[in-house]
Amino acid sequence: MTEETQIKKTKTVKKDFIFAVGRRKSAVARVRLYKSVKADLAWGEVAVKKGDILVNGKLISEYFSGEVSKNLYLEPLKITNTQSNFAFTIKVAGGGPAGQLDAVIAGISNALDTLDTEKHRPILKKKGLLSHDSRVRQRRKVGMGGKSRRKRQSPKR
């Protein structure tokens, strides 16, 4: 057999979701936006319905409880008028609750931007949801007594 007769057949699988990543501090959120939800779509043992946002197998209202958090994670959906049109499944890891919430917001915004750039990008950009917040925790320095900014006390005599 020659090289010309050996043609690799690659299987192309059409994804029925849009993938995006959101990062903040040390938290990373991997977001899947489903445009159309199939009847058999489930994430773990939880069935995914249109309008649902699932984070690590739980509803987002259970994972990020409180009214303030709810207003924050729904803001990208409210300003683009896509509140109950899509389903989201999100895996978030690293960081604490605040960093994870900001990573989820960034991931949702990036997914909506990927979905329809010319329609959603100006709105999301104006609100500052597409800009990356690069602030991270300052590392501990050598000779600082275990803190990043603390100075050693100098002897008086």
C-alpha atoms as a PDB file:
ATOM      1  CA  MET A   1       0.000   0.000   0.000  1.00  0.00           C
ATOM      2  CA  THR A   2       1.199   3.454  -0.796  1.00  0.00           C
ATOM      3  CA  GLU A   3       0.673   6.541   1.295  1.00  0.00           C
ATOM      4  CA  GLU A   4      -1.913   7.880  -1.118  1.00  0.00           C
ATOM      5  CA  THR A   5      -4.230   4.905  -0.683  1.00  0.00           C
ATOM      6  CA  GLN A   6      -4.078   5.093   3.088  1.00  0.00           C
ATOM      7  CA  ILE A   7      -6.465   7.876   3.974  1.00  0.00           C
ATOM      8  CA  LYS A   8      -7.233   8.387   7.615  1.00  0.00           C
ATOM      9  CA  LYS A   9     -10.911   8.593   8.278  1.00  0.00           C
ATOM     10  CA  THR A  10     -11.658  11.013  11.062  1.00  0.00           C
ATOM     11  CA  LYS A  11     -14.961  10.962  12.774  1.00  0.00           C
ATOM     12  CA  THR A  12     -16.423  14.439  13.137  1.00  0.00           C
ATOM     13  CA  VAL A  13     -18.852  14.846  15.987  1.00  0.00           C
ATOM     14  CA  LYS A  14     -20.950  17.995  15.999  1.00  0.00           C
ATOM     15  CA  LYS A  15     -21.100  19.460  19.457  1.00  0.00           C
ATOM     16  CA  ASP A  16     -24.495  20.659  20.579  1.00  0.00           C
ATOM     17  CA  PHE A  17     -22.994  23.139  23.052  1.00  0.00           C
ATOM     18  CA  ILE A  18     -20.695  26.161  23.142  1.00  0.00           C
ATOM     19  CA  PHE A  19     -17.674  25.905  25.416  1.00  0.00           C
ATOM     20  CA  ALA A  20     -16.123  28.858  27.268  1.00  0.00           C
ATOM     21  CA  VAL A  21     -13.775  29.396  30.197  1.00  0.00           C
ATOM     22  CA  GLY A  22     -13.902  32.000  32.945  1.00  0.00           C
ATOM     23  CA  ARG A  23     -11.029  32.658  35.343  1.00  0.00           C
ATOM     24  CA  ARG A  24     -10.641  34.749  38.478  1.00  0.00           C
ATOM     25  CA  LYS A  25      -7.862  34.543  41.106  1.00  0.00           C
ATOM     26  CA  SER A  26      -7.152  30.792  41.249  1.00  0.00           C
ATOM     27  CA  ALA A  27     -10.681  29.685  40.278  1.00  0.00           C
ATOM     28  CA  VAL A  28     -11.439  28.271  36.821  1.00  0.00           C
ATOM     29  CA  ALA A  29     -14.982  27.799  35.510  1.00  0.00           C
ATOM     30  CA  ARG A  30     -15.563  25.629  32.422  1.00  0.00           C
ATOM     31  CA  VAL A  31     -18.935  26.558  30.941  1.00  0.00           C
ATOM     32  CA  ARG A  32     -21.096  24.705  28.430  1.00  0.00           C
ATOM     33  CA  LEU A  33     -23.981  26.643  26.880  1.00  0.00           C
ATOM     34  CA  TYR A  34     -26.664  24.422  25.343  1.00  0.00           C
ATOM     35  CA  LYS A  35     -28.726  26.184  22.662  1.00  0.00           C
ATOM     36  CA  SER A  36     -31.240  23.348  22.405  1.00  0.00           C
ATOM     37  CA  VAL A  37     -31.729  20.916  25.246  1.00  0.00           C
ATOM     38  CA  LYS A  38     -32.409  17.304  24.336  1.00  0.00           C
ATOM     39  CA  ALA A  39     -34.800  15.254  26.449  1.00  0.00           C
ATOM     40  CA  ASP A  40     -32.101  12.797  27.570  1.00  0.00           C
ATOM     41  CA  LEU A  41     -29.557  15.449  28.587  1.00  0.00           C
ATOM     42  CA  ALA A  42     -28.453  14.867  32.165  1.00  0.00           C
ATOM     43  CA  TRP A  43     -25.477  15.956  34.215  1.00  0.00           C
ATOM     44  CA  GLY A  44     -24.733  13.277  36.746  1.00  0.00           C
ATOM     45  CA  GLU A  45     -28.128  12.329  38.141  1.00  0.00           C
ATOM     46  CA  VAL A  46     -29.617  15.791  37.540  1.00  0.00           C
ATOM     47  CA  ALA A  47     -31.687  16.284  34.377  1.00  0.00           C
ATOM     48  CA  VAL A  48     -30.923  19.485  32.485  1.00  0.00           C
ATOM     49  CA  LYS A  49     -33.891  21.604  31.375  1.00  0.00           C
ATOM     50  CA  LYS A  50     -34.043  24.813  29.353  1.00  0.00           C
ATOM     51  CA  GLY A  51     -33.271  27.791  31.569  1.00  0.00           C
ATOM     52  CA  ASP A  52     -31.271  25.758  34.097  1.00  0.00           C
ATOM     53  CA  ILE A  53     -27.800  26.686  35.279  1.00  0.00           C
ATOM     54  CA  LEU A  54     -26.012  23.789  36.967  1.00  0.00           C
ATOM     55  CA  VAL A  55     -22.729  24.246  38.840  1.00  0.00           C
ATOM     56  CA  ASN A  56     -20.831  21.094  39.850  1.00  0.00           C
ATOM     57  CA  GLY A  57     -24.020  19.011  39.672  1.00  0.00           C
ATOM     58  CA  LYS A  58     -26.172  21.412  41.741  1.00  0.00           C
ATOM     59  CA  LEU A  59     -28.518  24.207  40.746  1.00  0.00           C
ATOM     60  CA  ILE A  60     -26.690  27.533  40.827  1.00  0.00           C
ATOM     61  CA  SER A  61     -29.097  28.875  43.479  1.00  0.00           C
ATOM     62  CA  GLU A  62     -27.968  26.050  45.805  1.00  0.00           C
ATOM     63  CA  TYR A  63     -24.260  26.440  44.997  1.00  0.00           C
ATOM     64  CA  PHE A  64     -24.187  30.265  45.294  1.00  0.00           C
ATOM     65  CA  SER A  65     -26.925  31.081  47.789  1.00  0.00           C
ATOM     66  CA  GLY A  66     -28.074  34.600  48.531  1.00  0.00           C
ATOM     67  CA  GLU A  67     -29.746  37.439  46.693  1.00  0.00           C
ATOM     68  CA  VAL A  68     -26.520  39.353  45.990  1.00  0.00           C
ATOM     69  CA  SER A  69     -24.939  36.330  44.309  1.00  0.00           C
ATOM     70  CA  LYS A  70     -28.107  35.734  42.303  1.00  0.00           C
ATOM     71  CA  ASN A  71     -28.064  39.287  40.922  1.00  0.00           C
ATOM     72  CA  LEU A  72     -24.392  38.931  40.009  1.00  0.00           C
ATOM     73  CA  TYR A  73     -24.589  35.629  38.118  1.00  0.00           C
ATOM     74  CA  LEU A  74     -27.822  36.569  36.327  1.00  0.00           C
ATOM     75  CA  GLU A  75     -26.508  39.965  35.149  1.00  0.00           C
ATOM     76  CA  PRO A  76     -24.973  38.730  31.835  1.00  0.00           C
ATOM     77  CA  LEU A  77     -28.252  36.944  31.031  1.00  0.00           C
ATOM     78  CA  LYS A  78     -30.426  39.929  31.973  1.00  0.00           C
ATOM     79  CA  ILE A  79     -28.548  42.516  29.918  1.00  0.00           C
ATOM     80  CA  THR A  80     -28.528  40.282  26.823  1.00  0.00           C
ATOM     81  CA  ASN A  81     -32.219  39.214  27.268  1.00  0.00           C
ATOM     82  CA  THR A  82     -31.349  35.493  27.259  1.00  0.00           C
ATOM     83  CA  GLN A  83     -32.581  34.518  30.732  1.00  0.00           C
ATOM     84  CA  SER A  84     -34.539  31.342  29.992  1.00  0.00           C
ATOM     85  CA  ASN A  85     -33.396  30.620  26.422  1.00  0.00           C
ATOM     86  CA  PHE A  86     -30.429  28.348  27.166  1.00  0.00           C
ATOM     87  CA  ALA A  87     -29.152  25.769  29.626  1.00  0.00           C
ATOM     88  CA  PHE A  88     -25.719  26.024  31.223  1.00  0.00           C
ATOM     89  CA  THR A  89     -23.594  23.352  32.858  1.00  0.00           C
ATOM     90  CA  ILE A  90     -20.545  24.648  34.697  1.00  0.00           C
ATOM     91  CA  LYS A  91     -17.606  22.921  36.349  1.00  0.00           C
ATOM     92  CA  VAL A  92     -15.763  25.244  38.678  1.00  0.00           C
ATOM     93  CA  ALA A  93     -12.618  24.397  40.641  1.00  0.00           C
ATOM     94  CA  GLY A  94     -10.047  26.202  42.751  1.00  0.00           C
ATOM     95  CA  GLY A  95     -10.214  29.350  44.811  1.00  0.00           C
ATOM     96  CA  GLY A  96     -12.931  30.311  47.247  1.00  0.00           C
ATOM     97  CA  PRO A  97     -16.600  31.188  46.888  1.00  0.00           C
ATOM     98  CA  ALA A  98     -16.042  34.780  45.721  1.00  0.00           C
ATOM     99  CA  GLY A  99     -13.417  33.825  43.143  1.00  0.00           C
ATOM    100  CA  GLN A 100     -15.562  30.945  41.891  1.00  0.00           C
ATOM    101  CA  LEU A 101     -18.583  33.231  41.506  1.00  0.00           C
ATOM    102  CA  ASP A 102     -16.540  35.749  39.503  1.00  0.00           C
ATOM    103  CA  ALA A 103     -15.135  32.929  37.351  1.00  0.00           C
ATOM    104  CA  VAL A 104     -18.674  31.658  36.640  1.00  0.00           C
ATOM    105  CA  ILE A 105     -19.813  35.170  35.657  1.00  0.00           C
ATOM    106  CA  ALA A 106     -16.826  35.528  33.319  1.00  0.00           C
ATOM    107  CA  GLY A 107     -17.489  32.083  31.805  1.00  0.00           C
ATOM    108  CA  ILE A 108     -21.173  32.800  31.171  1.00  0.00           C
ATOM    109  CA  SER A 109     -20.264  36.142  29.577  1.00  0.00           C
ATOM    110  CA  ASN A 110     -17.640  34.510  27.340  1.00  0.00           C
ATOM    111  CA  ALA A 111     -20.116  31.817  26.270  1.00  0.00           C
ATOM    112  CA  LEU A 112     -22.745  34.413  25.337  1.00  0.00           C
ATOM    113  CA  ASP A 113     -20.091  36.367  23.437  1.00  0.00           C
ATOM    114  CA  THR A 114     -19.107  33.232  21.492  1.00  0.00           C
ATOM    115  CA  LEU A 115     -22.761  32.483  20.738  1.00  0.00           C
ATOM    116  CA  ASP A 116     -23.542  35.795  19.011  1.00  0.00           C
ATOM    117  CA  THR A 117     -20.574  38.159  18.904  1.00  0.00           C
ATOM    118  CA  GLU A 118     -22.012  41.112  17.001  1.00  0.00           C
ATOM    119  CA  LYS A 119     -25.174  41.203  19.126  1.00  0.00           C
ATOM    120  CA  HIS A 120     -23.879  40.466  22.646  1.00  0.00           C
ATOM    121  CA  ARG A 121     -20.261  41.687  22.665  1.00  0.00           C
ATOM    122  CA  PRO A 122     -20.923  45.482  22.755  1.00  0.00           C
ATOM    123  CA  ILE A 123     -23.415  45.096  25.619  1.00  0.00           C
ATOM    124  CA  LEU A 124     -21.188  42.795  27.684  1.00  0.00           C
ATOM    125  CA  LYS A 125     -18.080  44.882  27.000  1.00  0.00           C
ATOM    126  CA  LYS A 126     -19.808  48.111  28.052  1.00  0.00           C
ATOM    127  CA  LYS A 127     -20.736  46.514  31.393  1.00  0.00           C
ATOM    128  CA  GLY A 128     -17.136  45.270  31.825  1.00  0.00           C
ATOM    129  CA  LEU A 129     -18.042  41.577  31.917  1.00  0.00           C
ATOM    130  CA  LEU A 130     -15.555  40.518  29.221  1.00  0.00           C
ATOM    131  CA  SER A 131     -12.491  42.166  30.765  1.00  0.00           C
ATOM    132  CA  HIS A 132     -10.238  39.876  32.794  1.00  0.00           C
ATOM    133  CA  ASP A 133      -9.642  40.863  36.434  1.00  0.00           C
ATOM    134  CA  SER A 134      -5.956  40.030  36.845  1.00  0.00           C
ATOM    135  CA  ARG A 135      -5.670  40.700  40.581  1.00  0.00           C
ATOM    136  CA  VAL A 136      -4.298  37.684  42.432  1.00  0.00           C
ATOM    137  CA  ARG A 137      -3.080  37.066  45.958  1.00  0.00           C
ATOM    138  CA  GLN A 138       0.426  38.384  46.613  1.00  0.00           C
ATOM    139  CA  ARG A 139       2.925  35.644  47.305  1.00  0.00           C
ATOM    140  CA  ARG A 140       4.778  35.241  50.591  1.00  0.00           C
ATOM    141  CA  LYS A 141       8.270  36.718  50.538  1.00  0.00           C
ATOM    142  CA  VAL A 142      11.398  35.326  52.142  1.00  0.00           C
ATOM    143  CA  GLY A 143      12.397  36.963  55.445  1.00  0.00           C
ATOM    144  CA  MET A 144       9.051  38.630  56.035  1.00  0.00           C
ATOM    145  CA  GLY A 145       7.946  36.511  58.967  1.00  0.00           C
ATOM    146  CA  GLY A 146       5.400  34.463  57.043  1.00  0.00           C
ATOM    147  CA  LYS A 147       3.467  37.384  55.524  1.00  0.00           C
ATOM    148  CA  SER A 148       3.803  39.061  52.147  1.00  0.00           C
ATOM    149  CA  ARG A 149       4.231  42.695  53.294  1.00  0.00           C
ATOM    150  CA  ARG A 150       5.270  42.427  56.924  1.00  0.00           C
ATOM    151  CA  LYS A 151       8.674  43.786  57.869  1.00  0.00           C
ATOM    152  CA  ARG A 152      10.812  42.374  60.660  1.00  0.00           C
ATOM    153  CA  GLN A 153      10.944  44.505  63.765  1.00  0.00           C
ATOM    154  CA  SER A 154      14.314  46.216  64.151  1.00  0.00           C
ATOM    155  CA  PRO A 155      16.009  46.013  67.566  1.00  0.00           C
ATOM    156  CA  LYS A 156      15.827  49.190  69.654  1.00  0.00           C
ATOM    157  CA  ARG A 157      19.189  48.853  71.412  1.00  0.00           C
END
